[in-house]
PDB file of N, CA and C in Angstrom:
ATOM      1  N   UNK A   1      32.946  -2.371  33.562  1.00  0.00           N
ATOM      2  CA  UNK A   1      31.755  -1.594  33.283  1.00  0.00           C
ATOM      3  C   UNK A   1      32.085  -0.176  32.836  1.00  0.00           C
ATOM      4  N   UNK A   2      33.023   0.489  33.557  1.00  0.00           N
ATOM      5  CA  UNK A   2      33.413   1.807  33.224  1.00  0.00           C
ATOM      6  C   UNK A   2      34.111   1.832  31.861  1.00  0.00           C
ATOM      7  N   UNK A   3      34.914   0.841  31.577  1.00  0.00           N
ATOM      8  CA  UNK A   3      35.553   0.778  30.280  1.00  0.00           C
ATOM      9  C   UNK A   3      34.594   0.531  29.132  1.00  0.00           C
ATOM     10  N   UNK A   4      33.537  -0.272  29.370  1.00  0.00           N
ATOM     11  CA  UNK A   4      32.526  -0.574  28.367  1.00  0.00           C
ATOM     12  C   UNK A   4      31.788   0.713  27.961  1.00  0.00           C
ATOM     13  N   UNK A   5      31.401   1.519  28.962  1.00  0.00           N
ATOM     14  CA  UNK A   5      30.728   2.745  28.673  1.00  0.00           C
ATOM     15  C   UNK A   5      31.617   3.694  27.986  1.00  0.00           C
ATOM     16  N   UNK A   6      32.895   3.730  28.423  1.00  0.00           N
ATOM     17  CA  UNK A   6      33.889   4.608  27.786  1.00  0.00           C
ATOM     18  C   UNK A   6      34.084   4.249  26.342  1.00  0.00           C
ATOM     19  N   UNK A   7      34.144   2.928  26.020  1.00  0.00           N
ATOM     20  CA  UNK A   7      34.307   2.517  24.656  1.00  0.00           C
ATOM     21  C   UNK A   7      33.072   2.786  23.819  1.00  0.00           C
ATOM     22  N   UNK A   8      31.921   2.758  24.407  1.00  0.00           N
ATOM     23  CA  UNK A   8      30.665   3.118  23.744  1.00  0.00           C
ATOM     24  C   UNK A   8      30.659   4.562  23.388  1.00  0.00           C
ATOM     25  N   UNK A   9      31.052   5.456  24.346  1.00  0.00           N
ATOM     26  CA  UNK A   9      31.116   6.866  24.090  1.00  0.00           C
ATOM     27  C   UNK A   9      32.142   7.314  23.089  1.00  0.00           C
ATOM     28  N   UNK A  10      33.248   6.583  23.074  1.00  0.00           N
ATOM     29  CA  UNK A  10      34.282   6.860  22.053  1.00  0.00           C
ATOM     30  C   UNK A  10      33.958   6.262  20.703  1.00  0.00           C
ATOM     31  N   UNK A  11      32.909   5.429  20.636  1.00  0.00           N
ATOM     32  CA  UNK A  11      32.452   4.777  19.414  1.00  0.00           C
ATOM     33  C   UNK A  11      33.454   3.793  18.898  1.00  0.00           C
ATOM     34  N   UNK A  12      34.094   3.036  19.780  1.00  0.00           N
ATOM     35  CA  UNK A  12      35.072   2.041  19.356  1.00  0.00           C
ATOM     36  C   UNK A  12      34.405   0.903  18.512  1.00  0.00           C
ATOM     37  N   UNK A  13      33.133   0.749  18.689  1.00  0.00           N
ATOM     38  CA  UNK A  13      32.463  -0.324  17.879  1.00  0.00           C
ATOM     39  C   UNK A  13      32.458   0.062  16.368  1.00  0.00           C
ATOM     40  N   UNK A  14      32.725   1.305  16.057  1.00  0.00           N
ATOM     41  CA  UNK A  14      32.720   1.709  14.636  1.00  0.00           C
ATOM     42  C   UNK A  14      34.125   1.641  14.016  1.00  0.00           C
ATOM     43  N   UNK A  15      35.147   1.533  14.844  1.00  0.00           N
ATOM     44  CA  UNK A  15      36.497   1.576  14.287  1.00  0.00           C
ATOM     45  C   UNK A  15      37.279   0.297  14.587  1.00  0.00           C
ATOM     46  N   UNK A  16      36.719  -0.641  15.286  1.00  0.00           N
ATOM     47  CA  UNK A  16      37.479  -1.897  15.525  1.00  0.00           C
ATOM     48  C   UNK A  16      37.432  -2.811  14.314  1.00  0.00           C
ATOM     49  N   UNK A  17      37.949  -4.065  14.460  1.00  0.00           N
ATOM     50  CA  UNK A  17      38.150  -5.000  13.346  1.00  0.00           C
ATOM     51  C   UNK A  17      36.768  -5.442  12.744  1.00  0.00           C
ATOM     52  N   UNK A  18      35.759  -5.593  13.568  1.00  0.00           N
ATOM     53  CA  UNK A  18      34.460  -6.064  13.081  1.00  0.00           C
ATOM     54  C   UNK A  18      33.509  -4.887  12.740  1.00  0.00           C
ATOM     55  N   UNK A  19      34.079  -3.792  12.475  1.00  0.00           N
ATOM     56  CA  UNK A  19      33.242  -2.556  12.223  1.00  0.00           C
ATOM     57  C   UNK A  19      32.398  -2.654  10.968  1.00  0.00           C
ATOM     58  N   UNK A  20      32.797  -3.462  10.024  1.00  0.00           N
ATOM     59  CA  UNK A  20      32.049  -3.567   8.763  1.00  0.00           C
ATOM     60  C   UNK A  20      30.677  -4.079   9.028  1.00  0.00           C
ATOM     61  N   UNK A  21      30.491  -5.024   9.920  1.00  0.00           N
ATOM     62  CA  UNK A  21      29.156  -5.516  10.235  1.00  0.00           C
ATOM     63  C   UNK A  21      28.310  -4.442  10.924  1.00  0.00           C
ATOM     64  N   UNK A  22      28.934  -3.688  11.795  1.00  0.00           N
ATOM     65  CA  UNK A  22      28.219  -2.651  12.483  1.00  0.00           C
ATOM     66  C   UNK A  22      27.786  -1.510  11.479  1.00  0.00           C
ATOM     67  N   UNK A  23      28.700  -1.174  10.586  1.00  0.00           N
ATOM     68  CA  UNK A  23      28.395  -0.116   9.646  1.00  0.00           C
ATOM     69  C   UNK A  23      27.241  -0.565   8.716  1.00  0.00           C
ATOM     70  N   UNK A  24      27.221  -1.815   8.300  1.00  0.00           N
ATOM     71  CA  UNK A  24      26.153  -2.303   7.413  1.00  0.00           C
ATOM     72  C   UNK A  24      24.817  -2.184   8.171  1.00  0.00           C
ATOM     73  N   UNK A  25      24.781  -2.558   9.425  1.00  0.00           N
ATOM     74  CA  UNK A  25      23.589  -2.440  10.184  1.00  0.00           C
ATOM     75  C   UNK A  25      23.125  -0.998  10.396  1.00  0.00           C
ATOM     76  N   UNK A  26      24.060  -0.163  10.655  1.00  0.00           N
ATOM     77  CA  UNK A  26      23.779   1.310  10.817  1.00  0.00           C
ATOM     78  C   UNK A  26      23.243   1.878   9.525  1.00  0.00           C
ATOM     79  N   UNK A  27      23.861   1.604   8.453  1.00  0.00           N
ATOM     80  CA  UNK A  27      23.345   2.087   7.124  1.00  0.00           C
ATOM     81  C   UNK A  27      21.975   1.519   6.818  1.00  0.00           C
ATOM     82  N   UNK A  28      21.809   0.240   7.113  1.00  0.00           N
ATOM     83  CA  UNK A  28      20.458  -0.326   6.897  1.00  0.00           C
ATOM     84  C   UNK A  28      19.403   0.344   7.766  1.00  0.00           C
ATOM     85  N   UNK A  29      19.699   0.579   9.053  1.00  0.00           N
ATOM     86  CA  UNK A  29      18.749   1.242   9.902  1.00  0.00           C
ATOM     87  C   UNK A  29      18.492   2.726   9.430  1.00  0.00           C
ATOM     88  N   UNK A  30      19.505   3.394   8.940  1.00  0.00           N
ATOM     89  CA  UNK A  30      19.381   4.774   8.459  1.00  0.00           C
ATOM     90  C   UNK A  30      18.440   4.768   7.221  1.00  0.00           C
ATOM     91  N   UNK A  31      18.716   3.895   6.273  1.00  0.00           N
ATOM     92  CA  UNK A  31      17.884   3.818   5.077  1.00  0.00           C
ATOM     93  C   UNK A  31      16.446   3.475   5.471  1.00  0.00           C
ATOM     94  N   UNK A  32      16.260   2.565   6.377  1.00  0.00           N
ATOM     95  CA  UNK A  32      14.919   2.211   6.809  1.00  0.00           C
ATOM     96  C   UNK A  32      14.200   3.360   7.471  1.00  0.00           C
ATOM     97  N   UNK A  33      14.910   4.143   8.277  1.00  0.00           N
ATOM     98  CA  UNK A  33      14.370   5.313   8.907  1.00  0.00           C
ATOM     99  C   UNK A  33      13.933   6.395   7.858  1.00  0.00           C
ATOM    100  N   UNK A  34      14.757   6.561   6.852  1.00  0.00           N
ATOM    101  CA  UNK A  34      14.457   7.543   5.788  1.00  0.00           C
ATOM    102  C   UNK A  34      13.248   7.086   5.014  1.00  0.00           C
ATOM    103  N   UNK A  35      13.136   5.833   4.681  1.00  0.00           N
ATOM    104  CA  UNK A  35      11.978   5.301   3.947  1.00  0.00           C
ATOM    105  C   UNK A  35      10.711   5.478   4.848  1.00  0.00           C
ATOM    106  N   UNK A  36      10.840   5.222   6.123  1.00  0.00           N
ATOM    107  CA  UNK A  36       9.657   5.332   7.050  1.00  0.00           C
ATOM    108  C   UNK A  36       9.207   6.787   7.124  1.00  0.00           C
ATOM    109  N   UNK A  37      10.183   7.773   7.225  1.00  0.00           N
ATOM    110  CA  UNK A  37       9.842   9.133   7.274  1.00  0.00           C
ATOM    111  C   UNK A  37       9.152   9.621   5.957  1.00  0.00           C
ATOM    112  N   UNK A  38       9.729   9.224   4.808  1.00  0.00           N
ATOM    113  CA  UNK A  38       9.172   9.593   3.580  1.00  0.00           C
ATOM    114  C   UNK A  38       7.752   9.039   3.394  1.00  0.00           C
ATOM    115  N   UNK A  39       7.501   7.835   3.848  1.00  0.00           N
ATOM    116  CA  UNK A  39       6.213   7.253   3.775  1.00  0.00           C
ATOM    117  C   UNK A  39       5.223   7.967   4.633  1.00  0.00           C
ATOM    118  N   UNK A  40       5.594   8.341   5.810  1.00  0.00           N
ATOM    119  CA  UNK A  40       4.681   9.051   6.674  1.00  0.00           C
ATOM    120  C   UNK A  40       4.365  10.476   6.158  1.00  0.00           C
ATOM    121  N   UNK A  41       5.358  11.108   5.517  1.00  0.00           N
ATOM    122  CA  UNK A  41       5.110  12.419   4.919  1.00  0.00           C
ATOM    123  C   UNK A  41       4.121  12.296   3.752  1.00  0.00           C
ATOM    124  N   UNK A  42       4.330  11.246   2.977  1.00  0.00           N
ATOM    125  CA  UNK A  42       3.439  11.040   1.845  1.00  0.00           C
ATOM    126  C   UNK A  42       1.985  10.812   2.280  1.00  0.00           C
ATOM    127  N   UNK A  43       1.867   9.995   3.328  1.00  0.00           N
ATOM    128  CA  UNK A  43       0.512   9.687   3.836  1.00  0.00           C
ATOM    129  C   UNK A  43      -0.120  10.957   4.383  1.00  0.00           C
ATOM    130  N   UNK A  44       0.661  11.712   5.100  1.00  0.00           N
ATOM    131  CA  UNK A  44       0.121  13.005   5.689  1.00  0.00           C
ATOM    132  C   UNK A  44      -0.295  13.965   4.600  1.00  0.00           C
ATOM    133  N   UNK A  45       0.466  14.033   3.490  1.00  0.00           N
ATOM    134  CA  UNK A  45       0.137  14.879   2.393  1.00  0.00           C
ATOM    135  C   UNK A  45      -1.208  14.425   1.737  1.00  0.00           C
ATOM    136  N   UNK A  46      -1.365  13.103   1.643  1.00  0.00           N
ATOM    137  CA  UNK A  46      -2.654  12.614   1.070  1.00  0.00           C
ATOM    138  C   UNK A  46      -3.825  12.888   1.979  1.00  0.00           C
ATOM    139  N   UNK A  47      -3.591  12.850   3.263  1.00  0.00           N
ATOM    140  CA  UNK A  47      -4.704  13.153   4.195  1.00  0.00           C
ATOM    141  C   UNK A  47      -5.110  14.617   4.110  1.00  0.00           C
ATOM    142  N   UNK A  48      -4.097  15.541   3.978  1.00  0.00           N
ATOM    143  CA  UNK A  48      -4.478  16.905   3.820  1.00  0.00           C
ATOM    144  C   UNK A  48      -5.194  17.156   2.498  1.00  0.00           C
ATOM    145  N   UNK A  49      -4.737  16.479   1.457  1.00  0.00           N
ATOM    146  CA  UNK A  49      -5.368  16.632   0.105  1.00  0.00           C
ATOM    147  C   UNK A  49      -6.809  16.172   0.199  1.00  0.00           C
ATOM    148  N   UNK A  50      -7.061  15.052   0.853  1.00  0.00           N
ATOM    149  CA  UNK A  50      -8.414  14.533   0.971  1.00  0.00           C
ATOM    150  C   UNK A  50      -9.288  15.465   1.775  1.00  0.00           C
ATOM    151  N   UNK A  51      -8.774  16.086   2.829  1.00  0.00           N
ATOM    152  CA  UNK A  51      -9.538  17.003   3.648  1.00  0.00           C
ATOM    153  C   UNK A  51      -9.848  18.292   2.799  1.00  0.00           C
ATOM    154  N   UNK A  52      -8.888  18.766   2.039  1.00  0.00           N
ATOM    155  CA  UNK A  52      -9.171  19.939   1.172  1.00  0.00           C
ATOM    156  C   UNK A  52     -10.239  19.609   0.097  1.00  0.00           C
ATOM    157  N   UNK A  53     -10.134  18.434  -0.459  1.00  0.00           N
ATOM    158  CA  UNK A  53     -11.170  18.031  -1.443  1.00  0.00           C
ATOM    159  C   UNK A  53     -12.527  17.935  -0.842  1.00  0.00           C
ATOM    160  N   UNK A  54     -12.582  17.375   0.360  1.00  0.00           N
ATOM    161  CA  UNK A  54     -13.849  17.229   1.079  1.00  0.00           C
ATOM    162  C   UNK A  54     -14.456  18.647   1.316  1.00  0.00           C
ATOM    163  N   UNK A  55     -13.684  19.586   1.739  1.00  0.00           N
ATOM    164  CA  UNK A  55     -14.233  20.966   1.952  1.00  0.00           C
ATOM    165  C   UNK A  55     -14.659  21.555   0.587  1.00  0.00           C
ATOM    166  N   UNK A  56     -13.926  21.291  -0.457  1.00  0.00           N
ATOM    167  CA  UNK A  56     -14.310  21.805  -1.774  1.00  0.00           C
ATOM    168  C   UNK A  56     -15.634  21.175  -2.245  1.00  0.00           C
ATOM    169  N   UNK A  57     -15.861  19.836  -1.965  1.00  0.00           N
ATOM    170  CA  UNK A  57     -17.069  19.190  -2.367  1.00  0.00           C
ATOM    171  C   UNK A  57     -18.256  19.812  -1.564  1.00  0.00           C
ATOM    172  N   UNK A  58     -18.095  20.092  -0.252  1.00  0.00           N
ATOM    173  CA  UNK A  58     -19.150  20.644   0.558  1.00  0.00           C
ATOM    174  C   UNK A  58     -19.486  22.071  -0.021  1.00  0.00           C
ATOM    175  N   UNK A  59     -18.475  22.827  -0.365  1.00  0.00           N
ATOM    176  CA  UNK A  59     -18.695  24.135  -0.920  1.00  0.00           C
ATOM    177  C   UNK A  59     -19.425  24.078  -2.244  1.00  0.00           C
ATOM    178  N   UNK A  60     -19.012  23.210  -3.162  1.00  0.00           N
ATOM    179  CA  UNK A  60     -19.646  23.068  -4.443  1.00  0.00           C
ATOM    180  C   UNK A  60     -21.111  22.590  -4.267  1.00  0.00           C
ATOM    181  N   UNK A  61     -21.342  21.734  -3.325  1.00  0.00           N
ATOM    182  CA  UNK A  61     -22.672  21.191  -3.076  1.00  0.00           C
ATOM    183  C   UNK A  61     -23.573  22.355  -2.568  1.00  0.00           C
ATOM    184  N   UNK A  62     -23.007  23.229  -1.711  1.00  0.00           N
ATOM    185  CA  UNK A  62     -23.752  24.354  -1.259  1.00  0.00           C
ATOM    186  C   UNK A  62     -24.089  25.337  -2.422  1.00  0.00           C
ATOM    187  N   UNK A  63     -23.125  25.590  -3.254  1.00  0.00           N
ATOM    188  CA  UNK A  63     -23.373  26.461  -4.408  1.00  0.00           C
ATOM    189  C   UNK A  63     -24.461  25.818  -5.343  1.00  0.00           C
ATOM    190  N   UNK A  64     -24.408  24.532  -5.521  1.00  0.00           N
ATOM    191  CA  UNK A  64     -25.384  23.822  -6.372  1.00  0.00           C
ATOM    192  C   UNK A  64     -26.796  23.987  -5.783  1.00  0.00           C
ATOM    193  N   UNK A  65     -26.887  23.786  -4.472  1.00  0.00           N
ATOM    194  CA  UNK A  65     -28.230  23.887  -3.848  1.00  0.00           C
ATOM    195  C   UNK A  65     -28.746  25.314  -3.917  1.00  0.00           C
ATOM    196  N   UNK A  66     -27.852  26.301  -3.699  1.00  0.00           N
ATOM    197  CA  UNK A  66     -28.245  27.659  -3.817  1.00  0.00           C
ATOM    198  C   UNK A  66     -28.697  28.074  -5.204  1.00  0.00           C
ATOM    199  N   UNK A  67     -27.991  27.567  -6.194  1.00  0.00           N
ATOM    200  CA  UNK A  67     -28.336  27.766  -7.632  1.00  0.00           C
ATOM    201  C   UNK A  67     -29.694  27.153  -7.965  1.00  0.00           C
ATOM    202  N   UNK A  68     -29.883  25.906  -7.470  1.00  0.00           N
ATOM    203  CA  UNK A  68     -31.167  25.254  -7.743  1.00  0.00           C
ATOM    204  C   UNK A  68     -32.323  25.963  -7.085  1.00  0.00           C
ATOM    205  N   UNK A  69     -32.098  26.490  -5.883  1.00  0.00           N
ATOM    206  CA  UNK A  69     -33.111  27.230  -5.191  1.00  0.00           C
ATOM    207  C   UNK A  69     -33.445  28.505  -5.903  1.00  0.00           C
ATOM    208  N   UNK A  70     -32.419  29.215  -6.381  1.00  0.00           N
ATOM    209  CA  UNK A  70     -32.669  30.433  -7.184  1.00  0.00           C
ATOM    210  C   UNK A  70     -33.388  30.142  -8.466  1.00  0.00           C
ATOM    211  N   UNK A  71     -33.076  29.066  -9.092  1.00  0.00           N
ATOM    212  CA  UNK A  71     -33.749  28.648 -10.338  1.00  0.00           C
ATOM    213  C   UNK A  71     -35.238  28.343 -10.092  1.00  0.00           C
ATOM    214  N   UNK A  72     -35.521  27.686  -8.990  1.00  0.00           N
ATOM    215  CA  UNK A  72     -36.914  27.417  -8.623  1.00  0.00           C
ATOM    216  C   UNK A  72     -37.736  28.733  -8.368  1.00  0.00           C
ATOM    217  N   UNK A  73     -37.083  29.704  -7.758  1.00  0.00           N
ATOM    218  CA  UNK A  73     -37.710  30.971  -7.523  1.00  0.00           C
ATOM    219  C   UNK A  73     -37.951  31.729  -8.861  1.00  0.00           C
ATOM    220  N   UNK A  74     -36.972  31.635  -9.782  1.00  0.00           N
ATOM    221  CA  UNK A  74     -37.091  32.328 -11.052  1.00  0.00           C
ATOM    222  C   UNK A  74     -38.187  31.688 -11.892  1.00  0.00           C
ATOM    223  N   UNK A  75     -38.349  30.386 -11.853  1.00  0.00           N
ATOM    224  CA  UNK A  75     -39.303  29.650 -12.658  1.00  0.00           C
ATOM    225  C   UNK A  75     -40.769  29.800 -12.124  1.00  0.00           C
ATOM    226  N   UNK A  76     -40.940  30.368 -10.953  1.00  0.00           N
ATOM    227  CA  UNK A  76     -42.337  30.436 -10.404  1.00  0.00           C
ATOM    228  C   UNK A  76     -43.155  31.422 -11.279  1.00  0.00           C
ATOM    229  N   UNK A  77     -44.417  31.097 -11.463  1.00  0.00           N
ATOM    230  CA  UNK A  77     -45.310  31.885 -12.285  1.00  0.00           C
ATOM    231  C   UNK A  77     -45.403  33.295 -11.796  1.00  0.00           C
ATOM    232  N   UNK A  78     -45.485  33.520 -10.492  1.00  0.00           N
ATOM    233  CA  UNK A  78     -45.602  34.862  -9.987  1.00  0.00           C
ATOM    234  C   UNK A  78     -44.381  35.728 -10.289  1.00  0.00           C
ATOM    235  N   UNK A  79     -43.242  35.148 -10.179  1.00  0.00           N
ATOM    236  CA  UNK A  79     -41.992  35.865 -10.507  1.00  0.00           C
ATOM    237  C   UNK A  79     -41.948  36.271 -12.010  1.00  0.00           C
ATOM    238  N   UNK A  80     -42.367  35.322 -12.867  1.00  0.00           N
ATOM    239  CA  UNK A  80     -42.380  35.618 -14.339  1.00  0.00           C
ATOM    240  C   UNK A  80     -43.382  36.726 -14.568  1.00  0.00           C
ATOM    241  N   UNK A  81     -44.575  36.693 -13.996  1.00  0.00           N
ATOM    242  CA  UNK A  81     -45.558  37.691 -14.180  1.00  0.00           C
ATOM    243  C   UNK A  81     -45.055  39.067 -13.776  1.00  0.00           C
ATOM    244  N   UNK A  82     -44.437  39.137 -12.658  1.00  0.00           N
ATOM    245  CA  UNK A  82     -43.891  40.426 -12.158  1.00  0.00           C
ATOM    246  C   UNK A  82     -42.743  40.952 -13.070  1.00  0.00           C
ATOM    247  N   UNK A  83     -41.910  40.086 -13.578  1.00  0.00           N
ATOM    248  CA  UNK A  83     -40.883  40.473 -14.504  1.00  0.00           C
ATOM    249  C   UNK A  83     -41.432  40.966 -15.850  1.00  0.00           C
ATOM    250  N   UNK A  84     -42.471  40.306 -16.331  1.00  0.00           N
ATOM    251  CA  UNK A  84     -43.109  40.666 -17.599  1.00  0.00           C
ATOM    252  C   UNK A  84     -43.874  41.971 -17.545  1.00  0.00           C
ATOM    253  N   UNK A  85     -44.410  42.289 -16.299  1.00  0.00           N
ATOM    254  CA  UNK A  85     -45.182  43.567 -16.138  1.00  0.00           C
ATOM    255  C   UNK A  85     -44.253  44.756 -16.413  1.00  0.00           C
ATOM    256  N   UNK A  86     -42.991  44.656 -15.959  1.00  0.00           N
ATOM    257  CA  UNK A  86     -42.085  45.781 -16.215  1.00  0.00           C
ATOM    258  C   UNK A  86     -41.856  46.021 -17.686  1.00  0.00           C
ATOM    259  N   UNK A  87     -41.981  44.950 -18.519  1.00  0.00           N
ATOM    260  CA  UNK A  87     -41.833  45.076 -19.975  1.00  0.00           C
ATOM    261  C   UNK A  87     -43.120  45.521 -20.580  1.00  0.00           C
ATOM    262  N   UNK A  88     -44.257  45.241 -19.979  1.00  0.00           N
ATOM    263  CA  UNK A  88     -45.540  45.638 -20.499  1.00  0.00           C
ATOM    264  C   UNK A  88     -46.340  44.426 -20.972  1.00  0.00           C
ATOM    265  N   UNK A  89     -45.949  43.268 -20.678  1.00  0.00           N
ATOM    266  CA  UNK A  89     -46.611  42.046 -21.147  1.00  0.00           C
ATOM    267  C   UNK A  89     -47.412  41.490 -19.889  1.00  0.00           C
ATOM    268  N   UNK A  90     -48.656  41.187 -20.174  1.00  0.00           N
ATOM    269  CA  UNK A  90     -49.551  40.696 -19.067  1.00  0.00           C
ATOM    270  C   UNK A  90     -50.041  39.308 -19.434  1.00  0.00           C
ATOM    271  N   UNK A  91     -50.426  38.482 -18.501  1.00  0.00           N
ATOM    272  CA  UNK A  91     -50.949  37.158 -18.844  1.00  0.00           C
ATOM    273  C   UNK A  91     -52.304  37.276 -19.545  1.00  0.00           C
ATOM    274  N   UNK A  92     -52.618  36.311 -20.380  1.00  0.00           N
ATOM    275  CA  UNK A  92     -53.881  36.309 -21.135  1.00  0.00           C
ATOM    276  C   UNK A  92     -55.057  36.013 -20.210  1.00  0.00           C
ATOM    277  N   UNK A  93     -56.148  36.712 -20.513  1.00  0.00           N
ATOM    278  CA  UNK A  93     -57.397  36.436 -19.730  1.00  0.00           C
ATOM    279  C   UNK A  93     -58.138  35.254 -20.323  1.00  0.00           C
ATOM    280  N   UNK A  94     -57.944  34.963 -21.577  1.00  0.00           N
ATOM    281  CA  UNK A  94     -58.590  33.843 -22.191  1.00  0.00           C
ATOM    282  C   UNK A  94     -57.706  32.579 -22.184  1.00  0.00           C
ATOM    283  N   UNK A  95     -58.254  31.449 -21.737  1.00  0.00           N
ATOM    284  CA  UNK A  95     -57.408  30.247 -21.696  1.00  0.00           C
ATOM    285  C   UNK A  95     -57.084  29.771 -23.140  1.00  0.00           C
ATOM    286  N   UNK A  96     -56.035  29.088 -23.334  1.00  0.00           N
ATOM    287  CA  UNK A  96     -55.673  28.632 -24.707  1.00  0.00           C
ATOM    288  C   UNK A  96     -56.689  27.559 -25.175  1.00  0.00           C
ATOM    289  N   UNK A  97     -56.853  27.474 -26.491  1.00  0.00           N
ATOM    290  CA  UNK A  97     -57.707  26.455 -27.082  1.00  0.00           C
ATOM    291  C   UNK A  97     -56.806  25.377 -27.773  1.00  0.00           C
ATOM    292  N   UNK A  98     -57.270  24.227 -27.714  1.00  0.00           N
ATOM    293  CA  UNK A  98     -56.536  23.116 -28.314  1.00  0.00           C
ATOM    294  C   UNK A  98     -56.986  23.055 -29.843  1.00  0.00           C
ATOM    295  N   UNK A  99     -56.108  22.970 -30.662  1.00  0.00           N
ATOM    296  CA  UNK A  99     -56.421  22.928 -32.148  1.00  0.00           C
ATOM    297  C   UNK A  99     -56.293  21.506 -32.518  1.00  0.00           C
ATOM    298  N   UNK A 100     -57.388  20.951 -33.125  1.00  0.00           N
ATOM    299  CA  UNK A 100     -57.350  19.564 -33.603  1.00  0.00           C
ATOM    300  C   UNK A 100     -57.282  19.613 -35.112  1.00  0.00           C
ATOM    301  N   UNK A 101     -56.392  18.800 -35.592  1.00  0.00           N
ATOM    302  CA  UNK A 101     -56.235  18.690 -37.114  1.00  0.00           C
ATOM    303  C   UNK A 101     -56.731  17.305 -37.498  1.00  0.00           C
ATOM    304  N   UNK A 102     -57.649  17.294 -38.477  1.00  0.00           N
ATOM    305  CA  UNK A 102     -58.161  16.063 -38.973  1.00  0.00           C
ATOM    306  C   UNK A 102     -57.326  15.676 -40.199  1.00  0.00           C
ATOM    307  N   UNK A 103     -56.869  14.381 -40.111  1.00  0.00           N
ATOM    308  CA  UNK A 103     -56.079  13.931 -41.275  1.00  0.00           C
ATOM    309  C   UNK A 103     -57.026  13.175 -42.250  1.00  0.00           C
ATOM    310  N   UNK A 104     -57.134  13.670 -43.455  1.00  0.00           N
ATOM    311  CA  UNK A 104     -57.950  12.990 -44.455  1.00  0.00           C
ATOM    312  C   UNK A 104     -57.141  12.025 -45.283  1.00  0.00           C
ATOM    313  N   UNK A 105     -57.724  10.887 -45.453  1.00  0.00           N
ATOM    314  CA  UNK A 105     -57.013   9.856 -46.185  1.00  0.00           C
ATOM    315  C   UNK A 105     -57.427   9.766 -47.621  1.00  0.00           C
TER     316      UNK A 105
END
């Protein structure tokens, strides 16, 4: 038992006659671990990108709603009348008349 632990600590399994099999397995496990780490980093990067895009969408939606609200206020008749008063233009007291054109054949 003591000798087995001592051989393990000295890494005799890497330098004995059958070491080629052990090295192949160690290299395989190392490559597999590297691929796994790279995959997890890639997935984490995508999650962060999705979160950033979600925040950007919420911000753009907020800007859109604010712009639409401002447009509705600007289009109101009372706002237009107040803006035109500063220029000196007032609304007409007479309602518009519809002009009918008769087509003669």
